[in-house]
PDB file of N, CA and C in Angstrom:
ATOM      1  N   UNK A   1     -52.305  16.360 -24.075  1.00  0.00           N
ATOM      2  CA  UNK A   1     -51.108  15.540 -24.106  1.00  0.00           C
ATOM      3  C   UNK A   1     -51.418  14.150 -23.553  1.00  0.00           C
ATOM      4  N   UNK A   2     -50.948  13.159 -24.283  1.00  0.00           N
ATOM      5  CA  UNK A   2     -51.088  11.771 -23.839  1.00  0.00           C
ATOM      6  C   UNK A   2     -49.811  11.341 -23.132  1.00  0.00           C
ATOM      7  N   UNK A   3     -49.969  10.538 -22.096  1.00  0.00           N
ATOM      8  CA  UNK A   3     -48.840  10.037 -21.314  1.00  0.00           C
ATOM      9  C   UNK A   3     -48.858   8.514 -21.342  1.00  0.00           C
ATOM     10  N   UNK A   4     -47.696   7.922 -21.659  1.00  0.00           N
ATOM     11  CA  UNK A   4     -47.581   6.467 -21.732  1.00  0.00           C
ATOM     12  C   UNK A   4     -46.396   6.011 -20.886  1.00  0.00           C
ATOM     13  N   UNK A   5     -46.610   4.980 -20.075  1.00  0.00           N
ATOM     14  CA  UNK A   5     -45.531   4.365 -19.323  1.00  0.00           C
ATOM     15  C   UNK A   5     -44.973   3.225 -20.166  1.00  0.00           C
ATOM     16  N   UNK A   6     -43.646   3.209 -20.362  1.00  0.00           N
ATOM     17  CA  UNK A   6     -43.044   2.221 -21.258  1.00  0.00           C
ATOM     18  C   UNK A   6     -41.805   1.584 -20.621  1.00  0.00           C
ATOM     19  N   UNK A   7     -41.530   0.352 -21.051  1.00  0.00           N
ATOM     20  CA  UNK A   7     -40.291  -0.359 -20.739  1.00  0.00           C
ATOM     21  C   UNK A   7     -39.703  -0.850 -22.047  1.00  0.00           C
ATOM     22  N   UNK A   8     -38.394  -0.842 -22.144  1.00  0.00           N
ATOM     23  CA  UNK A   8     -37.705  -1.388 -23.310  1.00  0.00           C
ATOM     24  C   UNK A   8     -36.543  -2.224 -22.819  1.00  0.00           C
ATOM     25  N   UNK A   9     -36.355  -3.389 -23.459  1.00  0.00           N
ATOM     26  CA  UNK A   9     -35.250  -4.281 -23.146  1.00  0.00           C
ATOM     27  C   UNK A   9     -34.353  -4.359 -24.381  1.00  0.00           C
ATOM     28  N   UNK A  10     -33.079  -4.101 -24.185  1.00  0.00           N
ATOM     29  CA  UNK A  10     -32.092  -4.187 -25.261  1.00  0.00           C
ATOM     30  C   UNK A  10     -31.041  -5.193 -24.827  1.00  0.00           C
ATOM     31  N   UNK A  11     -30.866  -6.241 -25.620  1.00  0.00           N
ATOM     32  CA  UNK A  11     -29.968  -7.332 -25.262  1.00  0.00           C
ATOM     33  C   UNK A  11     -28.620  -7.180 -25.955  1.00  0.00           C
ATOM     34  N   UNK A  12     -27.575  -7.648 -25.272  1.00  0.00           N
ATOM     35  CA  UNK A  12     -26.233  -7.829 -25.840  1.00  0.00           C
ATOM     36  C   UNK A  12     -25.627  -6.566 -26.443  1.00  0.00           C
ATOM     37  N   UNK A  13     -25.664  -5.476 -25.709  1.00  0.00           N
ATOM     38  CA  UNK A  13     -25.026  -4.234 -26.146  1.00  0.00           C
ATOM     39  C   UNK A  13     -23.515  -4.431 -26.105  1.00  0.00           C
ATOM     40  N   UNK A  14     -22.837  -3.850 -27.090  1.00  0.00           N
ATOM     41  CA  UNK A  14     -21.391  -3.998 -27.185  1.00  0.00           C
ATOM     42  C   UNK A  14     -20.671  -2.681 -27.363  1.00  0.00           C
ATOM     43  N   UNK A  15     -19.636  -2.701 -28.185  1.00  0.00           N
ATOM     44  CA  UNK A  15     -18.721  -1.561 -28.302  1.00  0.00           C
ATOM     45  C   UNK A  15     -19.253  -0.428 -29.167  1.00  0.00           C
ATOM     46  N   UNK A  16     -20.268  -0.680 -29.971  1.00  0.00           N
ATOM     47  CA  UNK A  16     -20.871   0.392 -30.760  1.00  0.00           C
ATOM     48  C   UNK A  16     -22.081   0.930 -30.003  1.00  0.00           C
ATOM     49  N   UNK A  17     -22.250   2.261 -29.950  1.00  0.00           N
ATOM     50  CA  UNK A  17     -23.410   2.822 -29.255  1.00  0.00           C
ATOM     51  C   UNK A  17     -24.722   2.294 -29.840  1.00  0.00           C
ATOM     52  N   UNK A  18     -25.612   1.859 -28.954  1.00  0.00           N
ATOM     53  CA  UNK A  18     -26.903   1.318 -29.345  1.00  0.00           C
ATOM     54  C   UNK A  18     -27.997   2.248 -28.826  1.00  0.00           C
ATOM     55  N   UNK A  19     -28.912   2.604 -29.703  1.00  0.00           N
ATOM     56  CA  UNK A  19     -30.036   3.455 -29.315  1.00  0.00           C
ATOM     57  C   UNK A  19     -30.995   2.654 -28.443  1.00  0.00           C
ATOM     58  N   UNK A  20     -31.222   3.129 -27.230  1.00  0.00           N
ATOM     59  CA  UNK A  20     -32.151   2.446 -26.326  1.00  0.00           C
ATOM     60  C   UNK A  20     -33.508   3.134 -26.284  1.00  0.00           C
ATOM     61  N   UNK A  21     -33.555   4.394 -26.657  1.00  0.00           N
ATOM     62  CA  UNK A  21     -34.820   5.125 -26.734  1.00  0.00           C
ATOM     63  C   UNK A  21     -34.581   6.417 -27.511  1.00  0.00           C
ATOM     64  N   UNK A  22     -35.628   6.858 -28.221  1.00  0.00           N
ATOM     65  CA  UNK A  22     -35.526   8.097 -28.989  1.00  0.00           C
ATOM     66  C   UNK A  22     -36.877   8.799 -28.986  1.00  0.00           C
ATOM     67  N   UNK A  23     -36.825  10.106 -29.075  1.00  0.00           N
ATOM     68  CA  UNK A  23     -38.040  10.910 -29.140  1.00  0.00           C
ATOM     69  C   UNK A  23     -38.257  11.394 -30.572  1.00  0.00           C
ATOM     70  N   UNK A  24     -39.477  11.791 -30.849  1.00  0.00           N
ATOM     71  CA  UNK A  24     -39.808  12.387 -32.140  1.00  0.00           C
ATOM     72  C   UNK A  24     -39.937  13.895 -31.946  1.00  0.00           C
ATOM     73  N   UNK A  25     -40.273  14.588 -33.032  1.00  0.00           N
ATOM     74  CA  UNK A  25     -40.452  16.042 -32.935  1.00  0.00           C
ATOM     75  C   UNK A  25     -41.630  16.412 -32.036  1.00  0.00           C
ATOM     76  N   UNK A  26     -42.593  15.497 -31.902  1.00  0.00           N
ATOM     77  CA  UNK A  26     -43.787  15.803 -31.111  1.00  0.00           C
ATOM     78  C   UNK A  26     -43.843  15.041 -29.782  1.00  0.00           C
ATOM     79  N   UNK A  27     -42.725  14.475 -29.354  1.00  0.00           N
ATOM     80  CA  UNK A  27     -42.736  13.740 -28.084  1.00  0.00           C
ATOM     81  C   UNK A  27     -41.487  14.044 -27.269  1.00  0.00           C
ATOM     82  N   UNK A  28     -41.571  13.706 -26.020  1.00  0.00           N
ATOM     83  CA  UNK A  28     -40.423  13.767 -25.110  1.00  0.00           C
ATOM     84  C   UNK A  28     -40.653  12.697 -24.067  1.00  0.00           C
ATOM     85  N   UNK A  29     -39.632  12.372 -23.289  1.00  0.00           N
ATOM     86  CA  UNK A  29     -39.854  11.398 -22.231  1.00  0.00           C
ATOM     87  C   UNK A  29     -38.964  11.674 -21.039  1.00  0.00           C
ATOM     88  N   UNK A  30     -39.383  11.096 -19.932  1.00  0.00           N
ATOM     89  CA  UNK A  30     -38.644  11.173 -18.688  1.00  0.00           C
ATOM     90  C   UNK A  30     -38.238   9.756 -18.308  1.00  0.00           C
ATOM     91  N   UNK A  31     -36.940   9.530 -18.219  1.00  0.00           N
ATOM     92  CA  UNK A  31     -36.437   8.223 -17.806  1.00  0.00           C
ATOM     93  C   UNK A  31     -36.587   8.126 -16.296  1.00  0.00           C
ATOM     94  N   UNK A  32     -37.244   7.058 -15.838  1.00  0.00           N
ATOM     95  CA  UNK A  32     -37.442   6.862 -14.400  1.00  0.00           C
ATOM     96  C   UNK A  32     -36.650   5.659 -13.885  1.00  0.00           C
ATOM     97  N   UNK A  33     -36.050   4.900 -14.813  1.00  0.00           N
ATOM     98  CA  UNK A  33     -35.198   3.784 -14.434  1.00  0.00           C
ATOM     99  C   UNK A  33     -34.338   3.364 -15.595  1.00  0.00           C
ATOM    100  N   UNK A  34     -33.056   3.120 -15.344  1.00  0.00           N
ATOM    101  CA  UNK A  34     -32.138   2.652 -16.380  1.00  0.00           C
ATOM    102  C   UNK A  34     -31.148   1.709 -15.718  1.00  0.00           C
ATOM    103  N   UNK A  35     -31.177   0.451 -16.145  1.00  0.00           N
ATOM    104  CA  UNK A  35     -30.330  -0.580 -15.569  1.00  0.00           C
ATOM    105  C   UNK A  35     -29.480  -1.216 -16.655  1.00  0.00           C
ATOM    106  N   UNK A  36     -28.189  -1.374 -16.387  1.00  0.00           N
ATOM    107  CA  UNK A  36     -27.258  -2.031 -17.300  1.00  0.00           C
ATOM    108  C   UNK A  36     -26.659  -3.227 -16.567  1.00  0.00           C
ATOM    109  N   UNK A  37     -26.868  -4.434 -17.105  1.00  0.00           N
ATOM    110  CA  UNK A  37     -26.417  -5.656 -16.449  1.00  0.00           C
ATOM    111  C   UNK A  37     -25.269  -6.281 -17.217  1.00  0.00           C
ATOM    112  N   UNK A  38     -24.177  -6.554 -16.502  1.00  0.00           N
ATOM    113  CA  UNK A  38     -22.993  -7.189 -17.071  1.00  0.00           C
ATOM    114  C   UNK A  38     -23.263  -8.683 -17.225  1.00  0.00           C
ATOM    115  N   UNK A  39     -23.189  -9.188 -18.436  1.00  0.00           N
ATOM    116  CA  UNK A  39     -23.449 -10.593 -18.732  1.00  0.00           C
ATOM    117  C   UNK A  39     -22.196 -11.457 -18.692  1.00  0.00           C
ATOM    118  N   UNK A  40     -21.047 -10.846 -18.463  1.00  0.00           N
ATOM    119  CA  UNK A  40     -19.778 -11.554 -18.578  1.00  0.00           C
ATOM    120  C   UNK A  40     -19.203 -11.923 -17.215  1.00  0.00           C
ATOM    121  N   UNK A  41     -18.102 -12.637 -17.254  1.00  0.00           N
ATOM    122  CA  UNK A  41     -17.346 -12.999 -16.055  1.00  0.00           C
ATOM    123  C   UNK A  41     -16.220 -11.997 -15.787  1.00  0.00           C
ATOM    124  N   UNK A  42     -16.184 -10.895 -16.535  1.00  0.00           N
ATOM    125  CA  UNK A  42     -15.137  -9.881 -16.431  1.00  0.00           C
ATOM    126  C   UNK A  42     -15.742  -8.527 -16.066  1.00  0.00           C
ATOM    127  N   UNK A  43     -14.874  -7.600 -15.679  1.00  0.00           N
ATOM    128  CA  UNK A  43     -15.299  -6.222 -15.499  1.00  0.00           C
ATOM    129  C   UNK A  43     -15.645  -5.634 -16.854  1.00  0.00           C
ATOM    130  N   UNK A  44     -16.682  -4.796 -16.893  1.00  0.00           N
ATOM    131  CA  UNK A  44     -17.095  -4.114 -18.114  1.00  0.00           C
ATOM    132  C   UNK A  44     -17.241  -2.635 -17.784  1.00  0.00           C
ATOM    133  N   UNK A  45     -16.896  -1.793 -18.741  1.00  0.00           N
ATOM    134  CA  UNK A  45     -17.091  -0.356 -18.600  1.00  0.00           C
ATOM    135  C   UNK A  45     -18.252   0.071 -19.490  1.00  0.00           C
ATOM    136  N   UNK A  46     -19.225   0.763 -18.905  1.00  0.00           N
ATOM    137  CA  UNK A  46     -20.445   1.160 -19.609  1.00  0.00           C
ATOM    138  C   UNK A  46     -20.506   2.679 -19.712  1.00  0.00           C
ATOM    139  N   UNK A  47     -20.970   3.141 -20.869  1.00  0.00           N
ATOM    140  CA  UNK A  47     -21.230   4.566 -21.075  1.00  0.00           C
ATOM    141  C   UNK A  47     -22.669   4.751 -21.519  1.00  0.00           C
ATOM    142  N   UNK A  48     -23.299   5.806 -21.006  1.00  0.00           N
ATOM    143  CA  UNK A  48     -24.646   6.202 -21.412  1.00  0.00           C
ATOM    144  C   UNK A  48     -24.509   7.592 -22.010  1.00  0.00           C
ATOM    145  N   UNK A  49     -24.996   7.742 -23.242  1.00  0.00           N
ATOM    146  CA  UNK A  49     -24.842   8.992 -23.966  1.00  0.00           C
ATOM    147  C   UNK A  49     -26.203   9.566 -24.343  1.00  0.00           C
ATOM    148  N   UNK A  50     -26.253  10.873 -24.490  1.00  0.00           N
ATOM    149  CA  UNK A  50     -27.460  11.561 -24.939  1.00  0.00           C
ATOM    150  C   UNK A  50     -27.092  12.353 -26.186  1.00  0.00           C
ATOM    151  N   UNK A  51     -27.842  12.121 -27.268  1.00  0.00           N
ATOM    152  CA  UNK A  51     -27.624  12.848 -28.526  1.00  0.00           C
ATOM    153  C   UNK A  51     -28.783  13.809 -28.733  1.00  0.00           C
ATOM    154  N   UNK A  52     -28.459  15.092 -28.945  1.00  0.00           N
ATOM    155  CA  UNK A  52     -29.526  16.083 -29.108  1.00  0.00           C
ATOM    156  C   UNK A  52     -29.958  16.203 -30.567  1.00  0.00           C
ATOM    157  N   UNK A  53     -30.867  17.126 -30.833  1.00  0.00           N
ATOM    158  CA  UNK A  53     -31.436  17.282 -32.173  1.00  0.00           C
ATOM    159  C   UNK A  53     -30.464  17.838 -33.199  1.00  0.00           C
ATOM    160  N   UNK A  54     -29.284  18.279 -32.777  1.00  0.00           N
ATOM    161  CA  UNK A  54     -28.259  18.756 -33.715  1.00  0.00           C
ATOM    162  C   UNK A  54     -27.114  17.755 -33.844  1.00  0.00           C
ATOM    163  N   UNK A  55     -27.326  16.543 -33.360  1.00  0.00           N
ATOM    164  CA  UNK A  55     -26.351  15.438 -33.404  1.00  0.00           C
ATOM    165  C   UNK A  55     -25.147  15.635 -32.493  1.00  0.00           C
ATOM    166  N   UNK A  56     -25.235  16.573 -31.548  1.00  0.00           N
ATOM    167  CA  UNK A  56     -24.205  16.682 -30.513  1.00  0.00           C
ATOM    168  C   UNK A  56     -24.448  15.568 -29.502  1.00  0.00           C
ATOM    169  N   UNK A  57     -23.389  14.878 -29.129  1.00  0.00           N
ATOM    170  CA  UNK A  57     -23.504  13.769 -28.190  1.00  0.00           C
ATOM    171  C   UNK A  57     -22.684  14.057 -26.949  1.00  0.00           C
ATOM    172  N   UNK A  58     -23.296  13.847 -25.788  1.00  0.00           N
ATOM    173  CA  UNK A  58     -22.604  14.034 -24.519  1.00  0.00           C
ATOM    174  C   UNK A  58     -22.808  12.825 -23.627  1.00  0.00           C
ATOM    175  N   UNK A  59     -21.909  12.657 -22.673  1.00  0.00           N
ATOM    176  CA  UNK A  59     -21.974  11.517 -21.765  1.00  0.00           C
ATOM    177  C   UNK A  59     -22.844  11.835 -20.557  1.00  0.00           C
ATOM    178  N   UNK A  60     -23.788  10.959 -20.277  1.00  0.00           N
ATOM    179  CA  UNK A  60     -24.510  10.984 -19.003  1.00  0.00           C
ATOM    180  C   UNK A  60     -23.676  10.208 -17.989  1.00  0.00           C
ATOM    181  N   UNK A  61     -23.139   9.076 -18.421  1.00  0.00           N
ATOM    182  CA  UNK A  61     -22.141   8.295 -17.677  1.00  0.00           C
ATOM    183  C   UNK A  61     -21.035   7.940 -18.652  1.00  0.00           C
ATOM    184  N   UNK A  62     -19.795   7.955 -18.199  1.00  0.00           N
ATOM    185  CA  UNK A  62     -18.684   7.604 -19.084  1.00  0.00           C
ATOM    186  C   UNK A  62     -17.813   6.552 -18.419  1.00  0.00           C
ATOM    187  N   UNK A  63     -17.668   5.419 -19.115  1.00  0.00           N
ATOM    188  CA  UNK A  63     -16.771   4.342 -18.688  1.00  0.00           C
ATOM    189  C   UNK A  63     -16.958   3.997 -17.206  1.00  0.00           C
ATOM    190  N   UNK A  64     -18.201   3.737 -16.835  1.00  0.00           N
ATOM    191  CA  UNK A  64     -18.519   3.367 -15.453  1.00  0.00           C
ATOM    192  C   UNK A  64     -18.333   1.867 -15.284  1.00  0.00           C
ATOM    193  N   UNK A  65     -17.589   1.481 -14.270  1.00  0.00           N
ATOM    194  CA  UNK A  65     -17.246   0.087 -14.021  1.00  0.00           C
ATOM    195  C   UNK A  65     -18.461  -0.708 -13.537  1.00  0.00           C
ATOM    196  N   UNK A  66     -18.690  -1.851 -14.190  1.00  0.00           N
ATOM    197  CA  UNK A  66     -19.742  -2.778 -13.768  1.00  0.00           C
ATOM    198  C   UNK A  66     -19.061  -4.132 -13.541  1.00  0.00           C
ATOM    199  N   UNK A  67     -18.948  -4.591 -12.294  1.00  0.00           N
ATOM    200  CA  UNK A  67     -18.313  -5.888 -12.019  1.00  0.00           C
ATOM    201  C   UNK A  67     -19.072  -7.050 -12.676  1.00  0.00           C
ATOM    202  N   UNK A  68     -18.399  -8.174 -12.774  1.00  0.00           N
ATOM    203  CA  UNK A  68     -18.973  -9.371 -13.401  1.00  0.00           C
ATOM    204  C   UNK A  68     -20.314  -9.740 -12.771  1.00  0.00           C
ATOM    205  N   UNK A  69     -21.272 -10.065 -13.625  1.00  0.00           N
ATOM    206  CA  UNK A  69     -22.590 -10.560 -13.201  1.00  0.00           C
ATOM    207  C   UNK A  69     -23.332  -9.641 -12.235  1.00  0.00           C
ATOM    208  N   UNK A  70     -23.144  -8.338 -12.371  1.00  0.00           N
ATOM    209  CA  UNK A  70     -23.872  -7.378 -11.541  1.00  0.00           C
ATOM    210  C   UNK A  70     -24.558  -6.344 -12.431  1.00  0.00           C
ATOM    211  N   UNK A  71     -25.342  -5.482 -11.804  1.00  0.00           N
ATOM    212  CA  UNK A  71     -26.066  -4.445 -12.536  1.00  0.00           C
ATOM    213  C   UNK A  71     -25.681  -3.058 -12.041  1.00  0.00           C
ATOM    214  N   UNK A  72     -25.729  -2.124 -12.954  1.00  0.00           N
ATOM    215  CA  UNK A  72     -25.537  -0.711 -12.652  1.00  0.00           C
ATOM    216  C   UNK A  72     -26.890  -0.039 -12.801  1.00  0.00           C
ATOM    217  N   UNK A  73     -27.333   0.649 -11.775  1.00  0.00           N
ATOM    218  CA  UNK A  73     -28.567   1.433 -11.847  1.00  0.00           C
ATOM    219  C   UNK A  73     -28.162   2.866 -12.183  1.00  0.00           C
ATOM    220  N   UNK A  74     -28.257   3.211 -13.464  1.00  0.00           N
ATOM    221  CA  UNK A  74     -27.812   4.528 -13.929  1.00  0.00           C
ATOM    222  C   UNK A  74     -28.812   5.622 -13.575  1.00  0.00           C
ATOM    223  N   UNK A  75     -30.094   5.295 -13.536  1.00  0.00           N
ATOM    224  CA  UNK A  75     -31.145   6.218 -13.095  1.00  0.00           C
ATOM    225  C   UNK A  75     -31.980   5.442 -12.093  1.00  0.00           C
ATOM    226  N   UNK A  76     -32.098   5.975 -10.871  1.00  0.00           N
ATOM    227  CA  UNK A  76     -32.780   5.221  -9.814  1.00  0.00           C
ATOM    228  C   UNK A  76     -33.297   6.149  -8.727  1.00  0.00           C
ATOM    229  N   UNK A  77     -34.103   5.623  -7.847  1.00  0.00           N
ATOM    230  CA  UNK A  77     -34.567   6.235  -6.602  1.00  0.00           C
ATOM    231  C   UNK A  77     -34.926   7.711  -6.705  1.00  0.00           C
ATOM    232  N   UNK A  78     -35.886   8.008  -7.549  1.00  0.00           N
ATOM    233  CA  UNK A  78     -36.376   9.374  -7.641  1.00  0.00           C
ATOM    234  C   UNK A  78     -35.605  10.265  -8.588  1.00  0.00           C
ATOM    235  N   UNK A  79     -34.438   9.836  -9.025  1.00  0.00           N
ATOM    236  CA  UNK A  79     -33.682  10.597 -10.023  1.00  0.00           C
ATOM    237  C   UNK A  79     -34.406  10.484 -11.357  1.00  0.00           C
ATOM    238  N   UNK A  80     -34.353  11.516 -12.171  1.00  0.00           N
ATOM    239  CA  UNK A  80     -35.000  11.494 -13.474  1.00  0.00           C
ATOM    240  C   UNK A  80     -34.061  12.084 -14.520  1.00  0.00           C
ATOM    241  N   UNK A  81     -34.200  11.593 -15.732  1.00  0.00           N
ATOM    242  CA  UNK A  81     -33.444  12.112 -16.875  1.00  0.00           C
ATOM    243  C   UNK A  81     -34.459  12.534 -17.925  1.00  0.00           C
ATOM    244  N   UNK A  82     -34.493  13.815 -18.247  1.00  0.00           N
ATOM    245  CA  UNK A  82     -35.426  14.357 -19.227  1.00  0.00           C
ATOM    246  C   UNK A  82     -34.782  14.264 -20.611  1.00  0.00           C
ATOM    247  N   UNK A  83     -35.532  13.721 -21.575  1.00  0.00           N
ATOM    248  CA  UNK A  83     -35.046  13.617 -22.947  1.00  0.00           C
ATOM    249  C   UNK A  83     -35.978  14.451 -23.820  1.00  0.00           C
ATOM    250  N   UNK A  84     -35.413  15.504 -24.411  1.00  0.00           N
ATOM    251  CA  UNK A  84     -36.180  16.486 -25.178  1.00  0.00           C
ATOM    252  C   UNK A  84     -36.581  15.927 -26.549  1.00  0.00           C
ATOM    253  N   UNK A  85     -37.457  16.639 -27.267  1.00  0.00           N
ATOM    254  CA  UNK A  85     -37.843  16.194 -28.602  1.00  0.00           C
ATOM    255  C   UNK A  85     -36.636  16.013 -29.527  1.00  0.00           C
ATOM    256  N   UNK A  86     -36.720  14.985 -30.368  1.00  0.00           N
ATOM    257  CA  UNK A  86     -35.706  14.631 -31.358  1.00  0.00           C
ATOM    258  C   UNK A  86     -34.339  14.355 -30.734  1.00  0.00           C
ATOM    259  N   UNK A  87     -34.327  13.726 -29.584  1.00  0.00           N
ATOM    260  CA  UNK A  87     -33.095  13.309 -28.911  1.00  0.00           C
ATOM    261  C   UNK A  87     -33.043  11.795 -28.850  1.00  0.00           C
ATOM    262  N   UNK A  88     -31.839  11.255 -28.622  1.00  0.00           N
ATOM    263  CA  UNK A  88     -31.649   9.811 -28.509  1.00  0.00           C
ATOM    264  C   UNK A  88     -30.836   9.494 -27.270  1.00  0.00           C
ATOM    265  N   UNK A  89     -31.155   8.383 -26.645  1.00  0.00           N
ATOM    266  CA  UNK A  89     -30.387   7.860 -25.526  1.00  0.00           C
ATOM    267  C   UNK A  89     -29.663   6.618 -26.021  1.00  0.00           C
ATOM    268  N   UNK A  90     -28.339   6.576 -25.822  1.00  0.00           N
ATOM    269  CA  UNK A  90     -27.496   5.505 -26.337  1.00  0.00           C
ATOM    270  C   UNK A  90     -26.708   4.859 -25.208  1.00  0.00           C
ATOM    271  N   UNK A  91     -26.399   3.568 -25.358  1.00  0.00           N
ATOM    272  CA  UNK A  91     -25.575   2.844 -24.388  1.00  0.00           C
ATOM    273  C   UNK A  91     -24.517   2.068 -25.149  1.00  0.00           C
ATOM    274  N   UNK A  92     -23.310   1.979 -24.570  1.00  0.00           N
ATOM    275  CA  UNK A  92     -22.251   1.148 -25.133  1.00  0.00           C
ATOM    276  C   UNK A  92     -21.368   0.626 -24.014  1.00  0.00           C
ATOM    277  N   UNK A  93     -20.636  -0.426 -24.304  1.00  0.00           N
ATOM    278  CA  UNK A  93     -19.678  -0.972 -23.340  1.00  0.00           C
ATOM    279  C   UNK A  93     -18.343  -1.174 -24.040  1.00  0.00           C
ATOM    280  N   UNK A  94     -17.365  -1.628 -23.298  1.00  0.00           N
ATOM    281  CA  UNK A  94     -16.043  -1.832 -23.888  1.00  0.00           C
ATOM    282  C   UNK A  94     -15.830  -3.252 -24.403  1.00  0.00           C
ATOM    283  N   UNK A  95     -16.833  -4.138 -24.236  1.00  0.00           N
ATOM    284  CA  UNK A  95     -16.735  -5.526 -24.680  1.00  0.00           C
ATOM    285  C   UNK A  95     -17.997  -5.869 -25.476  1.00  0.00           C
ATOM    286  N   UNK A  96     -17.836  -6.543 -26.603  1.00  0.00           N
ATOM    287  CA  UNK A  96     -18.977  -6.934 -27.434  1.00  0.00           C
ATOM    288  C   UNK A  96     -19.942  -7.847 -26.690  1.00  0.00           C
ATOM    289  N   UNK A  97     -21.226  -7.658 -26.951  1.00  0.00           N
ATOM    290  CA  UNK A  97     -22.309  -8.509 -26.426  1.00  0.00           C
ATOM    291  C   UNK A  97     -22.216  -8.721 -24.920  1.00  0.00           C
ATOM    292  N   UNK A  98     -21.952  -7.662 -24.172  1.00  0.00           N
ATOM    293  CA  UNK A  98     -21.674  -7.813 -22.743  1.00  0.00           C
ATOM    294  C   UNK A  98     -22.715  -7.216 -21.807  1.00  0.00           C
ATOM    295  N   UNK A  99     -23.637  -6.415 -22.327  1.00  0.00           N
ATOM    296  CA  UNK A  99     -24.559  -5.671 -21.462  1.00  0.00           C
ATOM    297  C   UNK A  99     -25.995  -5.848 -21.941  1.00  0.00           C
ATOM    298  N   UNK A 100     -26.908  -6.113 -20.998  1.00  0.00           N
ATOM    299  CA  UNK A 100     -28.345  -5.996 -21.242  1.00  0.00           C
ATOM    300  C   UNK A 100     -28.813  -4.702 -20.593  1.00  0.00           C
ATOM    301  N   UNK A 101     -29.692  -3.990 -21.267  1.00  0.00           N
ATOM    302  CA  UNK A 101     -30.195  -2.712 -20.774  1.00  0.00           C
ATOM    303  C   UNK A 101     -31.708  -2.795 -20.638  1.00  0.00           C
ATOM    304  N   UNK A 102     -32.221  -2.308 -19.515  1.00  0.00           N
ATOM    305  CA  UNK A 102     -33.660  -2.150 -19.314  1.00  0.00           C
ATOM    306  C   UNK A 102     -33.906  -0.692 -18.952  1.00  0.00           C
ATOM    307  N   UNK A 103     -34.767  -0.068 -19.727  1.00  0.00           N
ATOM    308  CA  UNK A 103     -35.092   1.331 -19.496  1.00  0.00           C
ATOM    309  C   UNK A 103     -36.603   1.449 -19.275  1.00  0.00           C
ATOM    310  N   UNK A 104     -36.976   2.196 -18.252  1.00  0.00           N
ATOM    311  CA  UNK A 104     -38.371   2.515 -17.964  1.00  0.00           C
ATOM    312  C   UNK A 104     -38.513   4.018 -18.090  1.00  0.00           C
ATOM    313  N   UNK A 105     -39.562   4.435 -18.812  1.00  0.00           N
ATOM    314  CA  UNK A 105     -39.723   5.875 -19.028  1.00  0.00           C
ATOM    315  C   UNK A 105     -41.197   6.226 -19.220  1.00  0.00           C
ATOM    316  N   UNK A 106     -41.461   7.510 -19.053  1.00  0.00           N
ATOM    317  CA  UNK A 106     -42.790   8.065 -19.285  1.00  0.00           C
ATOM    318  C   UNK A 106     -42.695   8.894 -20.548  1.00  0.00           C
ATOM    319  N   UNK A 107     -43.441   8.503 -21.579  1.00  0.00           N
ATOM    320  CA  UNK A 107     -43.451   9.222 -22.850  1.00  0.00           C
ATOM    321  C   UNK A 107     -44.631  10.175 -22.871  1.00  0.00           C
ATOM    322  N   UNK A 108     -44.375  11.414 -23.292  1.00  0.00           N
ATOM    323  CA  UNK A 108     -45.402  12.435 -23.385  1.00  0.00           C
ATOM    324  C   UNK A 108     -45.497  12.869 -24.843  1.00  0.00           C
ATOM    325  N   UNK A 109     -46.688  12.702 -25.411  1.00  0.00           N
ATOM    326  CA  UNK A 109     -46.877  13.068 -26.827  1.00  0.00           C
ATOM    327  C   UNK A 109     -47.945  14.134 -26.964  1.00  0.00           C
TER     328      UNK A 109
END
């Protein structure tokens, strides 16, 4: 098994769920950091969702308040989120183009 440390930056997430990371049939990953930054001067509500291989979607975080010009650390300080093969991690907010997302993860193939 090969192990890769990765970072992904997703800019201007809005009201439609945006895929921030996905696994294939032969890979999985462990999220070691997930940050959502509010780009606006208003309060924003952020949701982080996980979609499994059967297209069932569940909330990891739902409508979590992020004050203006601040960041939410959704995964931090030793916490980990395991994403199984053929799963997707999605982020959305309640305002268009309001959130930047940075995800750090370890991919295992």
